[in-house]
Protein backbone atom coordinates (compact mmCIF):
# COMPACT_ATOMS: atom_id res chain seq x y z
CA MET A 1 0.00 0.00 0.00
CA LYS A 2 1.36 3.43 -0.95
CA ILE A 3 2.09 5.80 1.94
CA LYS A 4 -0.02 8.94 1.61
CA LEU A 5 0.33 10.55 5.05
CA VAL A 6 3.03 10.82 7.73
CA ILE A 7 2.03 12.24 11.10
CA PHE A 8 4.77 13.57 13.39
CA ASP A 9 4.91 14.20 17.10
CA LEU A 10 6.63 17.52 17.82
CA ASP A 11 8.82 17.66 20.96
CA GLY A 12 11.71 15.22 20.86
CA THR A 13 10.80 14.11 17.33
CA LEU A 14 11.13 17.21 15.14
CA ILE A 15 12.05 19.87 17.69
CA ASP A 16 14.45 19.93 20.64
CA ALA A 17 12.75 22.26 23.12
CA TYR A 18 13.92 20.53 26.28
CA LYS A 19 16.16 23.41 27.36
CA ALA A 20 13.34 25.91 26.79
CA ILE A 21 10.93 23.76 28.78
CA ALA A 22 13.39 23.34 31.65
CA GLU A 23 14.07 27.09 31.78
CA SER A 24 10.35 27.89 31.90
CA PHE A 25 9.65 25.16 34.43
CA ASN A 26 12.32 26.28 36.90
CA TYR A 27 11.46 29.95 36.39
CA THR A 28 7.90 29.07 37.43
CA MET A 29 9.16 27.18 40.48
CA ARG A 30 11.29 30.14 41.56
CA GLU A 31 8.41 32.57 41.14
CA LEU A 32 6.20 30.37 43.32
CA SER A 33 8.93 29.56 45.87
CA LEU A 34 8.73 25.86 45.01
CA PRO A 35 11.65 23.39 44.62
CA GLN A 36 13.40 23.47 41.25
CA GLN A 37 14.04 20.21 39.38
CA SER A 38 16.96 18.82 37.39
CA PHE A 39 17.05 18.98 33.62
CA LEU A 40 16.79 15.17 33.39
CA ALA A 41 13.75 15.03 35.67
CA ILE A 42 12.00 17.69 33.59
CA LYS A 43 12.91 16.00 30.29
CA LYS A 44 11.52 12.72 31.56
CA ALA A 45 8.18 14.39 32.29
CA VAL A 46 7.82 16.07 28.87
CA GLY A 47 5.26 14.80 26.39
CA TRP A 48 1.98 14.95 28.29
CA GLY A 49 1.31 18.69 27.97
CA ASP A 50 2.36 21.63 30.15
CA GLU A 51 -0.32 21.17 32.82
CA ALA A 52 0.71 17.54 33.31
CA LEU A 53 4.34 18.67 33.48
CA LEU A 54 3.61 21.06 36.36
CA LYS A 55 0.97 19.06 38.20
CA PRO A 56 3.26 16.81 40.31
CA TYR A 57 5.10 19.87 41.67
CA VAL A 58 2.40 22.54 42.04
CA PRO A 59 -0.43 22.60 44.60
CA PRO A 60 -3.85 22.47 42.87
CA LYS A 61 -4.94 25.80 44.36
CA ILE A 62 -2.20 27.68 42.47
CA MET A 63 -2.12 25.63 39.26
CA PHE A 64 -3.88 28.37 37.27
CA LEU A 65 -1.24 30.89 38.36
CA ALA A 66 1.59 28.42 37.66
CA LEU A 67 0.33 27.83 34.12
CA LYS A 68 0.07 31.58 33.53
CA ILE A 69 3.65 32.13 34.69
CA TYR A 70 4.97 29.11 32.77
CA ARG A 71 3.26 30.01 29.50
CA GLY A 72 4.26 33.66 29.68
CA HIS A 73 7.91 32.71 30.11
CA HIS A 74 7.76 29.87 27.60
CA LYS A 75 6.83 32.15 24.71
CA LEU A 76 10.25 33.74 25.11
CA SER A 77 12.32 30.69 25.99
CA LEU A 78 11.00 28.74 22.98
CA LEU A 79 12.00 31.48 20.57
CA ARG A 80 15.41 31.83 22.17
CA VAL A 81 16.70 28.26 22.53
CA ALA A 82 14.49 25.69 20.74
CA ARG A 83 16.06 24.11 17.67
CA LEU A 84 15.36 21.48 15.04
CA ILE A 85 16.30 17.86 15.66
CA PRO A 86 19.03 16.81 13.16
CA TYR A 87 17.72 15.85 9.71
CA THR A 88 14.26 17.35 10.33
CA ARG A 89 14.19 19.78 7.43
CA LYS A 90 15.81 17.27 5.07
CA ILE A 91 13.24 14.59 5.90
CA LEU A 92 10.24 16.93 5.60
CA LEU A 93 11.44 18.21 2.24
CA LYS A 94 12.06 14.69 0.96
CA LEU A 95 8.57 13.58 1.95
CA ARG A 96 7.02 16.64 0.31
CA LYS A 97 8.85 15.91 -2.92
CA ARG A 98 7.20 12.48 -2.88
CA LYS A 99 3.76 14.17 -2.64
CA ILE A 100 3.17 12.69 0.82
CA MET A 101 0.90 14.71 3.11
CA LEU A 102 2.32 15.73 6.48
CA ALA A 103 0.68 16.47 9.82
CA VAL A 104 1.62 17.22 13.43
CA ALA A 105 -0.03 15.53 16.42
CA SER A 106 1.16 17.08 19.67
CA ASN A 107 0.17 17.24 23.33
CA ARG A 108 1.81 20.70 23.37
CA PRO A 109 -0.77 23.55 23.32
CA THR A 110 -1.62 24.90 19.87
CA GLN A 111 -0.26 28.42 20.39
CA PHE A 112 3.20 27.13 21.29
CA SER A 113 3.24 24.49 18.56
CA LEU A 114 2.48 27.10 15.91
CA LEU A 115 4.92 29.58 17.45
CA ILE A 116 7.88 27.22 17.23
CA LEU A 117 6.94 25.75 13.84
CA LYS A 118 6.88 29.25 12.38
CA LYS A 119 10.04 30.35 14.18
CA LEU A 120 12.01 27.36 12.87
CA GLU A 121 10.47 27.83 9.40
CA ILE A 122 8.90 24.41 8.98
CA ARG A 123 5.20 25.32 9.26
CA LYS A 124 4.97 25.42 5.47
CA TYR A 125 5.60 21.68 5.16
CA PHE A 126 2.47 20.60 7.03
CA ASP A 127 -1.04 20.08 5.70
CA TYR A 128 -2.59 19.92 9.15
CA ILE A 129 -1.59 20.56 12.76
CA LEU A 130 -3.65 19.21 15.65
CA CYS A 131 -2.87 19.62 19.34
CA ALA A 132 -4.45 18.11 22.42
CA ASP A 133 -5.95 21.38 23.65
CA LYS A 134 -8.40 21.15 20.73
CA LEU A 135 -9.56 17.67 21.74
CA ARG A 136 -11.26 15.95 24.63
CA PHE A 137 -8.44 13.44 25.10
CA ARG A 138 -4.66 13.69 24.80
CA LYS A 139 -2.16 11.03 23.78
CA PRO A 140 -1.91 8.09 24.36
CA HIS A 141 -5.64 8.17 23.58
CA PRO A 142 -5.95 7.60 19.81
CA GLN A 143 -8.37 10.49 19.25
CA ILE A 144 -5.69 12.81 17.88
CA LEU A 145 -4.51 10.38 15.18
CA ASN A 146 -8.06 9.31 14.33
CA SER A 147 -9.05 12.96 13.90
CA ILE A 148 -6.14 13.68 11.57
CA VAL A 149 -6.75 10.76 9.21
CA ARG A 150 -10.45 11.69 9.04
CA LYS A 151 -9.63 15.32 8.32
CA LEU A 152 -7.18 14.46 5.54
CA LYS A 153 -9.33 11.57 4.24
CA VAL A 154 -6.53 9.01 4.27
CA GLY A 155 -6.78 5.35 5.23
CA LYS A 156 -4.90 4.16 8.29
CA SER A 157 -3.05 1.56 6.22
CA GLN A 158 -1.69 4.48 4.14
CA THR A 159 -0.57 6.42 7.22
CA LEU A 160 2.57 6.30 9.39
CA TYR A 161 3.17 7.98 12.73
CA VAL A 162 6.59 9.12 13.99
CA GLY A 163 7.22 9.94 17.65
CA ASP A 164 9.86 9.63 20.37
CA MET A 165 8.04 8.30 23.43
CA ALA A 166 6.42 5.14 24.70
CA ILE A 167 3.10 7.00 24.69
CA ASP A 168 3.56 7.63 20.96
CA ALA A 169 3.97 3.91 20.37
CA GLU A 170 0.84 3.26 22.43
CA THR A 171 -1.09 5.98 20.59
CA GLY A 172 -0.22 4.49 17.21
CA ARG A 173 -1.09 0.98 18.32
CA ARG A 174 -4.44 2.04 19.76
CA ALA A 175 -5.26 3.96 16.58
CA GLY A 176 -4.24 1.08 14.32
CA ILE A 177 -1.48 3.13 12.69
CA LYS A 178 2.16 1.96 12.33
CA ALA A 179 4.37 3.91 14.76
CA PHE A 180 8.06 4.61 14.28
CA ILE A 181 9.77 5.69 17.50
CA VAL A 182 12.99 7.72 17.40
CA LEU A 183 15.49 7.14 20.22
CA GLY A 184 16.84 10.03 22.28
CA GLY A 185 13.59 11.56 23.53
CA SER A 186 11.88 11.35 26.90
CA SER A 187 11.49 7.56 26.98
CA SER A 188 14.20 4.93 27.38
CA ARG A 189 14.61 2.20 24.79
CA ARG A 190 13.21 -0.32 27.28
CA GLU A 191 10.10 1.78 27.88
CA ILE A 192 9.61 2.05 24.13
CA GLU A 193 10.06 -1.69 23.60
CA ILE A 194 7.40 -2.45 26.21
CA ALA A 195 4.98 -0.20 24.29
CA ARG A 196 5.51 -2.32 21.15
CA PRO A 197 5.97 0.20 18.30
CA TYR A 198 6.11 -0.91 14.68
CA LYS A 199 9.80 0.11 14.47
CA ILE A 200 12.43 1.69 16.70
CA ILE A 201 14.85 3.95 14.81
CA VAL A 202 18.04 5.76 15.86
CA ASN A 203 17.20 9.01 14.05
CA LEU A 204 14.89 10.41 11.38
CA CYS A 205 17.13 9.13 8.59
CA GLY A 206 16.39 5.64 9.88
CA PHE A 207 12.75 6.26 9.03
CA PHE A 208 13.59 6.54 5.35
CA LYS A 209 15.82 3.48 5.43
CA VAL A 210 12.83 1.42 6.56
CA ILE A 211 10.23 2.78 4.15
CA ASP A 212 12.67 2.60 1.20
CA ALA A 213 13.55 -1.02 1.95
CA GLY A 214 10.26 -2.29 0.52
CA PRO A 215 6.60 -2.81 1.41
CA LEU A 216 5.80 -2.50 5.11
CA GLN A 217 4.50 -5.67 6.73
């Protein structure tokens, strides 16, 4: 079956925003006189959305204030330090030349997803961008992938999903869409293996090696 659509996760897959997230997180903690966390602890918690990131560390009664502080700071930190994951632009351009539609499925709020996609000049490659704040459920619930394939009118057998976390593997499996998981993100290889993705790849170039090798099983 010919591939017609590739859906990408954002953080850890196309964009390295971990430093920006850590800066905004610890700025928020300082402002609220709460304990700061290590970069590795923050990176491990990325992928579920900003409210889920803050929730374990912020009392419920000040969560609204924490989100306001975090998001205000994050607009600036994203623009200052976020960067593309290696090979991102090359892979997106190569897929576009093959007339394959592209989409983003992210648990990151829409305003920040669009901000960084435009800043890093890759917004133009995507046919559709959908984030969890526009849906009832966030990943690993399959709603986000199901919504994208319906919107773009593509069969699931003609669609691939690329992410970096165990929840991405689970999301793809629950949606019935083949998931490729790139190493180096928030999840360990063991966590990814337990989630049973279609393929584990070292980097985005590995994605092309697999799809160019022949029909997917």
